[in-house]
Protein backbone atom coordinates (compact mmCIF):
# COMPACT_ATOMS: atom_id res chain seq x y z
CA MET A 1 -128.72 -1.74 -2.41
CA LYS A 2 -126.58 -3.68 -0.02
CA ALA A 3 -125.60 -2.74 3.49
CA SER A 4 -122.11 -3.82 4.38
CA PRO A 5 -120.59 -4.59 7.75
CA ARG A 6 -117.48 -2.65 8.63
CA SER A 7 -115.27 -5.71 8.55
CA PRO A 8 -115.79 -7.82 5.70
CA VAL A 9 -118.16 29.89 -19.32
CA PRO A 10 -116.01 31.17 -22.24
CA GLY A 11 -117.02 28.60 -24.86
CA LEU A 12 -120.57 28.20 -23.57
CA PRO A 13 -122.24 28.79 -26.98
CA ALA A 14 -120.14 26.14 -28.70
CA VAL A 15 -120.62 23.74 -25.82
CA LEU A 16 -124.39 24.06 -25.90
CA CYS A 17 -124.69 23.81 -29.68
CA LEU A 18 -122.76 20.55 -29.69
CA LEU A 19 -124.45 19.09 -26.64
CA LEU A 20 -127.99 19.90 -27.63
CA SER A 21 -127.78 18.45 -31.12
CA GLY A 22 -128.91 14.98 -30.07
CA PRO A 23 -131.21 13.13 -27.67
CA LEU A 24 -130.42 12.09 -24.14
CA TRP A 25 -132.14 9.33 -22.22
CA ALA A 26 -131.49 7.91 -18.79
CA TRP A 27 -132.35 5.11 -16.44
CA TYR A 28 -131.74 4.12 -12.84
CA GLY A 29 -130.15 0.83 -11.82
CA ALA A 30 -129.53 -0.42 -15.37
CA PRO A 31 -127.20 -3.32 -16.32
CA GLN A 32 -123.48 -2.75 -15.96
CA ASP A 33 -121.53 -1.28 -18.88
CA ARG A 34 -118.23 -2.91 -19.83
CA ALA A 35 -115.20 -1.48 -21.53
CA PRO A 36 -114.24 -3.06 -24.87
CA ASP A 37 -112.32 -6.31 -24.36
CA GLY A 38 -108.54 -6.01 -24.49
CA HIS A 39 -108.50 -2.28 -23.82
CA THR A 40 -106.38 -1.14 -20.89
CA PRO A 41 -104.75 2.24 -20.36
CA HIS A 42 -101.32 0.75 -19.44
CA LYS A 43 -100.68 3.89 -17.40
CA ALA A 44 -101.84 5.20 -14.05
CA ALA A 45 -103.04 8.69 -13.26
CA ILE A 46 -104.15 10.55 -10.15
CA ALA A 47 -105.55 14.05 -9.88
CA SER A 48 -106.02 15.23 -6.31
CA PRO A 49 -106.23 18.59 -4.53
CA HIS A 50 -102.93 18.21 -2.69
CA PRO A 51 -99.51 17.19 -4.09
CA LEU A 52 -98.70 15.05 -1.03
CA ALA A 53 -101.89 13.02 -1.50
CA THR A 54 -101.22 12.52 -5.21
CA GLU A 55 -97.68 11.34 -4.52
CA ALA A 56 -98.82 8.96 -1.79
CA GLY A 57 -101.42 7.40 -4.09
CA LEU A 58 -98.95 6.96 -6.94
CA ALA A 59 -96.47 5.32 -4.57
CA VAL A 60 -99.05 2.70 -3.56
CA LEU A 61 -99.79 2.03 -7.23
CA GLY A 62 -96.07 1.73 -7.91
CA ARG A 63 -95.80 -0.97 -5.24
CA GLY A 64 -98.47 -3.12 -6.88
CA GLY A 65 -101.65 -1.70 -5.40
CA ASN A 66 -104.69 -1.02 -7.54
CA ALA A 67 -106.89 2.06 -7.92
CA PHE A 68 -108.96 1.04 -4.90
CA ASP A 69 -105.89 0.79 -2.67
CA ALA A 70 -104.79 4.18 -3.97
CA ALA A 71 -108.24 5.58 -3.14
CA VAL A 72 -107.80 4.51 0.48
CA THR A 73 -104.35 6.08 0.56
CA VAL A 74 -105.41 9.37 -1.01
CA SER A 75 -108.54 9.61 1.20
CA ALA A 76 -106.47 9.10 4.35
CA ALA A 77 -103.68 11.43 3.21
CA LEU A 78 -106.18 14.21 2.52
CA ALA A 79 -107.59 13.70 6.02
CA VAL A 80 -104.14 14.70 7.29
CA VAL A 81 -103.00 17.46 4.91
CA GLU A 82 -106.39 18.96 3.95
CA PRO A 83 -108.34 18.83 7.24
CA TYR A 84 -110.52 21.75 6.20
CA GLY A 85 -112.05 19.62 3.41
CA SER A 86 -112.39 16.03 4.64
CA GLY A 87 -111.24 13.59 7.28
CA LEU A 88 -111.97 10.56 9.43
CA GLY A 89 -114.74 12.54 11.10
CA GLY A 90 -116.59 13.08 7.82
CA GLY A 91 -118.16 11.13 4.98
CA GLY A 92 -118.19 10.75 1.23
CA PHE A 93 -119.05 8.83 -1.92
CA TRP A 94 -116.59 6.61 -3.80
CA LEU A 95 -117.68 5.75 -7.35
CA LEU A 96 -115.90 2.60 -8.55
CA HIS A 97 -115.33 0.81 -11.84
CA ARG A 98 -113.71 -2.62 -11.63
CA ALA A 99 -112.09 -3.49 -14.97
CA ALA A 100 -112.09 -7.27 -14.53
CA ASP A 101 -115.87 -7.59 -14.70
CA GLY A 102 -117.13 -4.09 -15.50
CA ARG A 103 -118.75 -3.71 -12.08
CA GLN A 104 -119.71 -0.12 -11.30
CA VAL A 105 -120.89 0.75 -7.82
CA MET A 106 -121.08 3.69 -5.46
CA ILE A 107 -119.78 3.22 -1.93
CA ASP A 108 -122.01 5.36 0.27
CA GLY A 109 -120.01 6.48 3.28
CA ARG A 110 -122.28 9.43 4.01
CA GLU A 111 -122.73 10.44 7.64
CA ARG A 112 -125.89 9.46 9.55
CA ALA A 113 -127.90 11.47 12.05
CA PRO A 114 -127.45 10.30 15.65
CA LEU A 115 -130.29 8.14 16.96
CA ALA A 116 -131.28 10.89 19.40
CA ALA A 117 -131.71 13.44 16.58
CA HIS A 118 -135.17 14.74 15.72
CA ARG A 119 -136.63 17.11 13.14
CA ASP A 120 -136.67 20.13 15.51
CA LEU A 121 -133.15 19.58 16.83
CA TYR A 122 -131.99 23.06 15.79
CA MET A 123 -135.22 24.99 16.35
CA GLY A 124 -135.16 27.29 19.33
CA ALA A 125 -137.99 27.90 21.81
CA ASP A 126 -138.95 30.93 19.74
CA GLY A 127 -139.39 28.71 16.66
CA ARG A 128 -136.35 30.12 14.89
CA PHE A 129 -133.56 28.09 13.34
CA ALA A 130 -130.45 28.11 15.58
CA ARG A 131 -127.87 28.04 12.79
CA GLU A 132 -124.83 28.19 15.06
CA GLN A 133 -125.76 24.87 16.65
CA ALA A 134 -126.00 23.25 13.20
CA LEU A 135 -122.57 24.54 12.14
CA ASN A 136 -120.33 24.70 15.22
CA GLY A 137 -119.58 22.19 17.96
CA PRO A 138 -120.45 18.52 18.42
CA LEU A 139 -124.22 18.91 18.16
CA ALA A 140 -123.65 19.67 14.45
CA ALA A 141 -121.88 16.36 13.79
CA GLY A 142 -123.35 13.32 12.09
CA ILE A 143 -121.88 9.84 12.64
CA PRO A 144 -118.76 9.60 10.43
CA GLY A 145 -118.58 7.22 7.47
CA VAL A 146 -115.04 7.66 6.14
CA PRO A 147 -113.32 5.02 8.33
CA ALA A 148 -115.94 2.37 7.46
CA ALA A 149 -115.67 3.23 3.76
CA LEU A 150 -111.87 2.97 3.73
CA CYS A 151 -111.98 -0.46 5.36
CA HIS A 152 -114.70 -1.59 2.94
CA LEU A 153 -112.70 -0.39 -0.08
CA SER A 154 -109.55 -2.10 1.11
CA GLU A 155 -111.14 -5.40 2.10
CA ARG A 156 -113.62 -5.79 -0.79
CA TYR A 157 -111.75 -4.23 -3.71
CA GLY A 158 -108.10 -3.59 -2.85
CA ARG A 159 -105.15 -5.97 -2.78
CA ALA A 160 -102.38 -4.11 -0.92
CA GLY A 161 -103.95 -4.38 2.53
CA LEU A 162 -105.12 -1.68 4.88
CA GLU A 163 -101.81 -1.34 6.69
CA ALA A 164 -99.92 -0.53 3.48
CA ALA A 165 -102.64 1.79 2.23
CA LEU A 166 -102.75 3.86 5.43
CA ALA A 167 -99.00 4.00 6.04
CA PRO A 168 -98.39 7.28 4.12
CA ALA A 169 -101.12 9.09 6.06
CA ILE A 170 -99.78 7.82 9.38
CA ARG A 171 -96.31 9.11 8.50
CA ALA A 172 -97.70 12.49 7.41
CA ALA A 173 -99.66 12.85 10.65
CA ARG A 174 -96.66 11.92 12.81
CA ASP A 175 -93.96 13.82 10.91
CA GLY A 176 -96.13 16.77 9.92
CA PHE A 177 -96.61 18.81 6.77
CA ALA A 178 -95.89 22.43 5.89
CA VAL A 179 -98.79 24.83 6.32
CA ASP A 180 -99.61 26.69 3.09
CA ALA A 181 -101.63 29.79 2.28
CA ARG A 182 -104.75 27.77 1.50
CA TYR A 183 -104.69 26.18 4.95
CA ARG A 184 -104.19 29.56 6.58
CA ARG A 185 -107.17 31.14 4.80
CA ARG A 186 -109.53 28.40 5.90
CA ALA A 187 -108.20 28.30 9.45
CA GLU A 188 -108.69 32.05 9.67
CA LEU A 189 -112.28 31.65 8.51
CA ARG A 190 -112.98 29.07 11.24
CA LEU A 191 -110.67 30.43 13.92
CA ALA A 192 -113.40 31.04 16.50
CA ALA A 193 -114.84 27.53 16.18
CA LEU A 194 -111.39 25.92 16.42
CA ARG A 195 -110.54 27.95 19.51
CA ASP A 196 -113.77 26.80 21.16
CA SER A 197 -112.48 23.21 21.11
CA PRO A 198 -109.24 22.89 23.12
CA ALA A 199 -108.27 19.68 21.32
CA ALA A 200 -108.88 21.26 17.90
CA ALA A 201 -106.92 24.36 18.87
CA ARG A 202 -103.93 22.23 19.89
CA GLN A 203 -104.13 20.21 16.68
CA PHE A 204 -104.71 22.91 14.05
CA LEU A 205 -103.46 26.18 15.57
CA ALA A 206 -100.18 27.42 17.00
CA ASP A 207 -100.58 29.03 20.42
CA GLY A 208 -104.20 29.78 19.59
CA ARG A 209 -103.34 31.52 16.31
CA VAL A 210 -103.37 30.50 12.68
CA PRO A 211 -99.99 28.84 12.04
CA PRO A 212 -97.52 30.81 9.91
CA LEU A 213 -96.56 29.74 6.40
CA GLY A 214 -94.23 26.77 6.46
CA TYR A 215 -95.13 25.79 10.02
CA ARG A 216 -94.82 22.01 10.40
CA LEU A 217 -98.21 20.81 11.58
CA LYS A 218 -98.03 17.48 13.42
CA GLN A 219 -101.09 15.51 14.55
CA PRO A 220 -99.94 12.72 16.92
CA ASP A 221 -103.45 11.82 18.13
CA LEU A 222 -104.66 11.42 14.56
CA ALA A 223 -101.59 9.31 13.75
CA GLU A 224 -102.43 7.04 16.68
CA THR A 225 -106.05 6.67 15.53
CA LEU A 226 -104.97 5.84 11.98
CA GLN A 227 -102.44 3.33 13.34
CA ARG A 228 -105.16 1.57 15.34
CA ILE A 229 -107.40 1.35 12.28
CA SER A 230 -104.56 -0.02 10.14
CA GLU A 231 -103.85 -2.77 12.68
CA GLU A 232 -107.34 -3.62 13.94
CA GLY A 233 -109.66 -2.57 11.12
CA CYS A 234 -112.61 -0.25 11.54
CA ASP A 235 -113.86 -1.85 14.73
CA ALA A 236 -111.03 0.16 16.28
CA PHE A 237 -112.98 3.31 15.36
CA TYR A 238 -116.58 2.25 15.87
CA LEU A 239 -116.20 -0.04 18.92
CA GLY A 240 -114.01 -0.16 22.01
CA PRO A 241 -111.88 2.46 23.78
CA LEU A 242 -111.62 4.96 20.90
CA ALA A 243 -115.37 4.93 20.31
CA ARG A 244 -116.02 5.45 24.02
CA ARG A 245 -113.54 8.32 24.09
CA MET A 246 -115.25 10.02 21.13
CA VAL A 247 -118.70 9.63 22.64
CA ARG A 248 -117.54 10.92 25.99
CA GLY A 249 -115.91 13.97 24.41
CA VAL A 250 -118.98 14.72 22.29
CA ARG A 251 -121.46 14.42 25.15
CA GLU A 252 -119.38 16.45 27.61
CA ALA A 253 -119.37 19.28 25.06
CA GLY A 254 -123.14 19.20 24.48
CA GLY A 255 -123.52 16.62 21.71
CA ILE A 256 -125.92 13.67 21.55
CA TRP A 257 -123.81 10.76 20.24
CA THR A 258 -124.03 7.33 21.85
CA GLU A 259 -121.90 4.22 21.53
CA GLU A 260 -124.84 2.61 19.76
CA ASP A 261 -124.64 5.28 17.05
CA LEU A 262 -121.09 4.26 16.21
CA ALA A 263 -121.70 0.53 16.57
CA GLN A 264 -124.62 0.65 14.12
CA TYR A 265 -122.84 2.52 11.34
CA GLY A 266 -122.26 0.68 8.06
CA VAL A 267 -121.53 1.71 4.49
CA VAL A 268 -124.02 0.94 1.71
CA GLU A 269 -123.27 -0.15 -1.84
CA ARG A 270 -125.63 1.61 -4.23
CA GLU A 271 -126.33 1.39 -7.96
CA PRO A 272 -125.15 4.60 -9.65
CA VAL A 273 -127.46 6.84 -11.63
CA ARG A 274 -126.87 6.47 -15.37
CA GLY A 275 -127.58 8.38 -18.56
CA ARG A 276 -126.57 8.45 -22.23
CA TYR A 277 -125.83 11.16 -24.74
CA GLN A 278 -124.43 10.92 -28.28
CA GLY A 279 -122.52 7.74 -27.54
CA TRP A 280 -121.31 8.97 -24.13
CA ARG A 281 -122.48 7.22 -20.98
CA LEU A 282 -122.82 9.14 -17.75
CA VAL A 283 -122.38 7.19 -14.51
CA SER A 284 -122.85 9.32 -11.42
CA ALA A 285 -123.70 9.43 -7.74
CA ALA A 286 -126.98 8.00 -6.49
CA PRO A 287 -129.10 9.28 -3.58
CA PRO A 288 -128.45 10.33 -0.87
CA SER A 289 -126.49 12.38 -3.40
CA SER A 290 -128.63 14.60 -5.58
CA GLY A 291 -125.82 14.83 -8.11
CA GLY A 292 -126.53 12.05 -10.57
CA VAL A 293 -130.28 12.67 -10.67
CA LEU A 294 -129.88 16.39 -11.31
CA LEU A 295 -127.14 15.92 -13.91
CA VAL A 296 -129.32 13.56 -15.95
CA GLU A 297 -132.36 15.78 -15.47
CA MET A 298 -130.48 18.89 -16.64
CA LEU A 299 -129.00 17.18 -19.68
CA ASN A 300 -132.41 15.80 -20.61
CA MET A 301 -133.90 19.28 -20.37
CA LEU A 302 -131.16 20.78 -22.52
CA SER A 303 -131.77 18.23 -25.25
CA ALA A 304 -135.53 18.84 -25.17
CA VAL A 305 -135.39 22.56 -25.99
CA PRO A 306 -136.37 23.14 -29.65
CA GLN A 307 -133.66 24.41 -31.95
CA ASP A 308 -135.38 27.72 -32.68
CA GLN A 309 -135.59 28.51 -28.96
CA ARG A 310 -131.94 27.57 -28.43
CA ASP A 311 -130.93 29.89 -31.24
CA ALA A 312 -132.98 32.74 -29.74
CA ALA A 313 -131.67 32.40 -26.18
CA PRO A 314 -128.35 33.51 -24.69
CA PRO A 315 -126.58 30.26 -23.72
CA ALA A 316 -126.20 31.32 -20.09
CA HIS A 317 -129.95 32.03 -19.95
CA LEU A 318 -130.77 28.50 -21.08
CA LEU A 319 -128.28 26.99 -18.64
CA ALA A 320 -129.66 29.01 -15.75
CA GLU A 321 -133.25 28.00 -16.53
CA VAL A 322 -132.29 24.33 -16.67
CA MET A 323 -130.37 24.57 -13.39
CA ARG A 324 -133.26 26.41 -11.74
CA ARG A 325 -135.78 23.68 -12.53
CA ALA A 326 -133.51 20.83 -11.48
CA TYR A 327 -132.71 22.41 -8.10
CA ARG A 328 -136.42 22.95 -7.49
CA ASP A 329 -136.87 19.18 -7.84
CA ARG A 330 -133.91 18.60 -5.54
CA ALA A 331 -135.68 20.51 -2.79
CA ALA A 332 -139.01 18.82 -3.40
CA TYR A 333 -138.17 15.14 -3.83
CA LEU A 334 -134.69 13.99 -2.85
CA GLY A 335 -133.36 12.52 0.39
CA ASP A 336 -132.02 9.31 1.94
CA PRO A 337 -133.30 6.35 -0.15
CA ASP A 338 -133.42 4.17 2.97
CA HIS A 339 -135.91 6.56 4.60
CA VAL A 340 -137.97 8.17 1.83
CA ARG A 341 -139.56 7.09 -1.43
CA MET A 342 -138.35 9.11 -4.41
CA PRO A 343 -139.68 9.17 -8.01
CA LEU A 344 -136.22 8.50 -9.46
CA ALA A 345 -137.43 6.86 -12.67
CA ARG A 346 -139.65 9.85 -13.37
CA LEU A 347 -137.02 12.46 -12.47
CA THR A 348 -134.52 10.90 -14.89
CA ASP A 349 -137.06 10.32 -17.68
CA GLU A 350 -136.65 12.32 -20.90
CA ASP A 351 -140.39 12.95 -21.24
CA TYR A 352 -140.54 14.35 -17.72
CA ALA A 353 -137.62 16.67 -18.52
CA ALA A 354 -139.32 17.82 -21.70
CA GLY A 355 -142.35 18.76 -19.64
CA LEU A 356 -140.23 20.68 -17.12
CA ILE A 357 -138.63 22.83 -19.79
CA ARG A 358 -141.76 23.25 -21.91
CA ASP A 359 -142.41 26.71 -20.48
CA PHE A 360 -138.90 27.93 -21.24
CA ASP A 361 -139.03 31.41 -22.76
CA PRO A 362 -135.90 32.55 -24.61
CA ARG A 363 -136.94 36.18 -23.93
CA ARG A 364 -137.73 36.00 -20.22
CA ALA A 365 -136.38 34.55 -16.97
CA THR A 366 -138.75 32.35 -14.99
CA PRO A 367 -138.98 33.66 -11.40
CA SER A 368 -138.25 31.01 -8.81
CA ARG A 369 -140.51 32.67 -6.27
CA PRO A 370 -141.99 36.13 -5.69
CA ALA A 371 -139.17 38.42 -4.63
CA GLU A 372 -140.64 39.17 -1.20
CA ASN A 373 -140.41 35.47 -0.29
CA ASP A 374 -136.93 34.93 -1.63
CA HIS A 375 -134.37 33.98 1.03
CA ALA A 376 -131.57 36.52 0.72
CA GLN A 377 -128.77 34.15 1.64
CA ASP A 378 -125.15 34.96 0.99
CA GLY A 379 -124.52 31.75 -0.99
CA ARG A 380 -121.32 31.12 0.95
CA GLU A 381 -118.65 29.66 -1.22
CA GLY A 382 -118.16 25.92 -1.07
CA ARG A 383 -114.56 26.05 0.03
CA ASP A 384 -115.10 22.80 1.89
CA THR A 385 -115.15 19.23 0.64
CA THR A 386 -112.57 17.55 -1.61
CA HIS A 387 -112.40 15.36 -4.71
CA PHE A 388 -109.88 13.08 -6.37
CA SER A 389 -109.84 10.94 -9.51
CA ILE A 390 -107.79 7.75 -10.05
CA LEU A 391 -107.08 5.40 -12.96
CA ASP A 392 -104.74 2.41 -12.72
CA PRO A 393 -102.97 0.58 -15.60
CA GLU A 394 -105.59 -2.19 -15.61
CA GLY A 395 -108.44 0.26 -16.15
CA ASN A 396 -109.82 0.23 -12.60
CA ARG A 397 -111.02 3.70 -11.68
CA VAL A 398 -112.32 5.73 -8.76
CA ALA A 399 -114.02 9.11 -8.57
CA ALA A 400 -114.39 10.14 -4.93
CA THR A 401 -115.85 13.23 -3.30
CA LEU A 402 -115.45 13.55 0.48
CA SER A 403 -116.57 16.19 2.94
CA ILE A 404 -116.87 17.43 6.48
CA ASN A 405 -119.23 20.16 5.18
CA TYR A 406 -118.12 23.66 6.18
CA PRO A 407 -114.34 24.33 6.30
CA PHE A 408 -112.91 22.43 9.29
CA GLY A 409 -116.37 20.94 9.80
CA SER A 410 -117.80 21.60 13.23
CA GLY A 411 -114.42 22.78 14.50
CA PHE A 412 -114.65 20.17 17.29
CA VAL A 413 -112.19 17.37 18.12
CA PRO A 414 -113.03 14.88 20.91
CA PRO A 415 -110.00 15.02 23.20
CA GLY A 416 -107.36 12.34 22.64
CA THR A 417 -108.67 11.19 19.25
CA GLY A 418 -107.33 13.60 16.61
CA VAL A 419 -110.68 13.19 14.79
CA LEU A 420 -112.10 16.49 13.55
CA LEU A 421 -115.89 16.12 13.40
CA ASN A 422 -118.13 17.19 10.53
CA ASP A 423 -121.05 19.60 10.66
CA GLU A 424 -123.10 17.72 8.05
CA MET A 425 -126.29 17.97 10.10
CA ASP A 426 -126.67 21.37 8.43
CA ASP A 427 -127.27 19.50 5.15
CA PHE A 428 -130.65 18.35 6.45
CA SER A 429 -133.68 20.58 6.07
CA ALA A 430 -133.93 21.98 9.58
CA ARG A 431 -137.37 23.16 8.54
CA PRO A 432 -138.88 22.95 5.03
CA GLY A 433 -138.08 26.17 3.18
CA VAL A 434 -135.29 27.27 5.54
CA PRO A 435 -131.95 27.54 3.66
CA ASN A 436 -128.77 25.88 4.88
CA ALA A 437 -125.27 27.41 4.92
CA TYR A 438 -125.14 27.29 1.11
CA GLY A 439 -128.57 28.82 0.58
CA LEU A 440 -130.14 25.48 -0.40
CA VAL A 441 -133.73 24.91 0.63
CA GLY A 442 -135.22 21.48 1.23
CA GLY A 443 -138.47 19.73 1.94
CA GLU A 444 -139.84 16.86 3.99
CA ALA A 445 -137.78 14.28 2.07
CA ASN A 446 -134.64 15.71 3.67
CA ALA A 447 -135.98 16.44 7.16
CA ILE A 448 -133.88 15.32 10.15
CA ALA A 449 -134.67 11.81 11.42
CA PRO A 450 -132.75 9.32 13.63
CA GLY A 451 -130.20 7.29 11.67
CA LYS A 452 -130.94 9.10 8.42
CA ARG A 453 -128.35 10.15 5.87
CA MET A 454 -128.53 13.82 4.88
CA LEU A 455 -128.92 14.84 1.23
CA SER A 456 -125.69 15.77 -0.53
CA SER A 457 -124.54 17.62 -3.66
CA MET A 458 -121.34 15.56 -4.02
CA SER A 459 -121.23 14.27 -7.61
CA PRO A 460 -118.32 11.92 -8.41
CA SER A 461 -118.88 10.88 -12.02
CA PHE A 462 -117.64 8.86 -14.97
CA LEU A 463 -118.25 9.96 -18.56
CA GLU A 464 -117.35 7.20 -20.97
CA SER A 465 -117.58 6.06 -24.59
CA ASP A 466 -115.60 3.99 -27.04
CA ASP A 467 -113.48 7.12 -27.55
CA GLY A 468 -112.52 7.65 -23.94
CA VAL A 469 -113.23 7.62 -20.22
CA ALA A 470 -113.39 10.70 -18.02
CA ILE A 471 -113.18 10.50 -14.22
CA LEU A 472 -114.25 13.76 -12.65
CA GLY A 473 -115.73 15.67 -9.74
CA THR A 474 -115.21 18.72 -7.58
CA PRO A 475 -115.90 20.27 -4.20
CA GLY A 476 -118.01 23.39 -4.04
CA GLY A 477 -121.06 23.00 -1.82
CA SER A 478 -124.31 23.65 -3.66
CA ARG A 479 -122.38 24.50 -6.85
CA ILE A 480 -120.86 21.04 -7.26
CA ILE A 481 -123.55 19.70 -9.59
CA THR A 482 -123.56 22.66 -11.96
CA MET A 483 -119.75 22.61 -12.12
CA VAL A 484 -119.77 18.95 -13.12
CA LEU A 485 -122.48 19.72 -15.69
CA GLN A 486 -120.30 22.37 -17.31
CA ALA A 487 -117.33 20.00 -17.36
CA ILE A 488 -119.50 17.40 -19.10
CA LEU A 489 -120.43 19.99 -21.72
CA ALA A 490 -116.75 20.77 -22.27
CA ALA A 491 -115.94 17.06 -22.62
CA VAL A 492 -118.70 16.53 -25.19
CA GLU A 493 -117.36 19.58 -27.02
CA ARG A 494 -113.99 17.74 -27.10
CA ALA A 495 -112.28 20.69 -25.48
CA PRO A 496 -108.78 20.10 -24.07
CA VAL A 497 -108.89 18.40 -20.69
CA ALA A 498 -107.22 21.39 -19.04
CA ASP A 499 -110.17 23.53 -20.18
CA TRP A 500 -112.67 21.29 -18.37
CA VAL A 501 -111.21 22.32 -15.02
CA ALA A 502 -110.19 25.89 -15.87
CA ARG A 503 -113.14 27.50 -17.67
CA PRO A 504 -115.06 30.16 -15.72
CA ARG A 505 -118.38 28.86 -14.36
CA ILE A 506 -121.90 30.06 -13.69
CA HIS A 507 -124.44 28.70 -11.21
CA HIS A 508 -128.15 28.88 -10.39
CA GLN A 509 -129.82 26.83 -7.66
CA TYR A 510 -133.48 27.96 -7.72
CA LEU A 511 -133.15 29.88 -4.46
CA PRO A 512 -131.70 32.42 -4.03
CA ASP A 513 -133.08 33.43 -7.45
CA ARG A 514 -129.91 34.70 -9.09
CA ILE A 515 -127.12 33.65 -11.43
CA GLN A 516 -123.73 33.50 -9.77
CA ALA A 517 -120.80 33.99 -12.13
CA GLU A 518 -117.07 33.68 -11.66
CA PRO A 519 -114.79 36.45 -12.95
CA GLY A 520 -114.64 36.15 -16.73
CA ALA A 521 -117.65 33.85 -17.08
CA LEU A 522 -119.95 36.51 -18.54
CA ALA A 523 -118.85 39.29 -20.87
CA PRO A 524 -120.36 42.75 -20.22
CA SER A 525 -122.69 42.31 -23.19
CA GLU A 526 -123.89 38.96 -21.80
CA GLN A 527 -124.50 40.53 -18.42
CA ALA A 528 -126.64 43.25 -19.97
CA SER A 529 -128.58 40.70 -22.02
CA LEU A 530 -129.30 38.53 -18.99
CA ARG A 531 -130.46 41.48 -16.91
CA ALA A 532 -132.75 42.52 -19.73
CA LEU A 533 -134.33 39.06 -19.57
CA GLY A 534 -135.06 39.51 -15.88
CA HIS A 535 -132.16 37.65 -14.29
CA ARG A 536 -130.46 38.92 -11.16
CA LEU A 537 -126.69 38.54 -11.33
CA GLU A 538 -124.15 38.05 -8.58
CA LEU A 539 -120.75 38.71 -10.10
CA LEU A 540 -118.26 37.09 -7.77
CA ASP A 541 -114.79 38.44 -7.15
CA ARG A 542 -113.43 34.97 -6.36
CA ARG A 543 -113.52 31.70 -8.24
CA PHE A 544 -115.09 28.54 -6.89
CA GLY A 545 -114.49 24.80 -7.13
CA ASN A 546 -111.41 22.60 -7.30
CA MET A 547 -112.09 20.04 -10.03
CA GLN A 548 -109.85 17.01 -10.51
CA VAL A 549 -110.02 15.09 -13.82
CA VAL A 550 -108.39 12.01 -15.35
CA PHE A 551 -109.11 11.25 -19.01
CA TRP A 552 -108.17 8.01 -20.75
CA ASN A 553 -108.23 8.71 -24.49
CA ARG A 554 -108.85 5.24 -25.88
CA ARG A 555 -108.54 6.25 -29.52
CA ALA A 556 -105.18 7.94 -29.04
CA GLY A 557 -103.94 5.46 -26.43
CA ARG A 558 -103.15 8.35 -24.12
CA VAL A 559 -103.90 9.13 -20.47
CA GLU A 560 -104.24 12.75 -19.35
CA ALA A 561 -104.90 14.37 -15.97
CA ALA A 562 -105.75 17.91 -14.94
CA SER A 563 -106.02 19.66 -11.59
CA ASP A 564 -108.05 22.82 -11.20
CA PRO A 565 -105.83 25.94 -11.32
CA ARG A 566 -108.06 27.42 -8.60
CA GLY A 567 -106.39 25.08 -6.10
CA ILE A 568 -102.95 23.75 -5.23
CA GLY A 569 -103.59 20.22 -6.50
CA SER A 570 -101.42 17.88 -8.50
CA ALA A 571 -102.35 15.79 -11.56
CA ARG A 572 -99.83 13.10 -12.46
CA VAL A 573 -99.59 10.32 -15.05
CA GLN A 574 -97.10 7.48 -14.58
């Protein structure tokens, strides 16, 4: 790991039968994989959650930029047009593949806890968790990583230059964009928090109300901040007048940031987590993401179940039991690798997975915890966060998942900056066993500590073989990892790429102890069968996720892209 300075499930039965027919093994920090010599896609593709971001990224590619330049452009554009999902005041993970030398690396731009933070920051005098303080206002905000990551991407991997890469976002912030129904729904959800911050209300509302459809939303302060970064680099954000203005605004509103917090921030380059299955190689996010570890662990468990037990079990039952066990390990072991020791080699070992699933019973659900101790959380939908996937004609690729946590983050903007701050501090374990906004429980490994990065579910991933390369990921809070798992199963099944993003999904995360299912994911007969096995079902009336996929079919010499029909995104090949 290297710290860097800022400057330089219809179809589930078929899926499981195909996936589970062979072994899976995994390792952590293994040698780099390289694409076959002489193989390039000769086409570019971008799948992103907003048409304006996709178009901006393709324009940079068309002017000679590479996938890494386009990643800077798309990240910044989404900060403008999708402020409920990501932004300069948030963080993220950018998974990279450089075609020239096969280098694969994860850029960790996750937020850090302020240096004044402590493990009981959100515990009241009565010993109860003060959730509102961890979700709303500046006390909920970690130190942002997006600006540092964009500069790092541009300077270390891009070729167009930061000014060119940020120009589309600056124009969009100055000239505005048309408010759509998706924006309005999320602004309505967070209306009270946005109104509590005068600067946020001016930036994202119209006369204190949710803007009407088609309203042209302009963000001049954000445009000015982006312009400074494009001209001066990321020191413009983390040092000097802008940094002082952010700190002053945060502290006057009850936050604990200091100038030292911003000055100390740096991105980290981390080795991805890797796994193999039937000739396919999985490359995914490393801690402080739990995504790659859990994906490998779940796939290893699936492959370890004996054939007779697979045949006797409803496919959704097996999936739920695998998910349950992996999320239990997430709570017990995972956190910031710079602060805690984690048994990563063991967690991604096939023998360990076989032991985890040894007690799988095809005729009975395994309770996560006695019902009286189960946290009855609402499992709020992960309508936050964002993901995009990029491939350029040379074969460079980026899978990036970014977040400010809950929709519109903390709802707080330091006056005069245009920077909407995250509420990622809620992703820490405020107290072991106490669920966060998505119902996830955690342990000591993810307890709050000064300068620590909070555990994440963001799971940007590559799935690759001699046949093809998939670039994929999704938003969705605690459901991200299980959504990516189900897309991997669809890819191994060789389903059409559009099916990877469109199929109905299920989810289990250990606690709360229930299977969540999108409309159409479970037929009535499957529901009855699962209940008979002892599962509790939560049949949702809304769908979740917003997956973005690019697939380079090497055998056919074809590039495809798909954007989740649940969102308003755009997938383009050029």
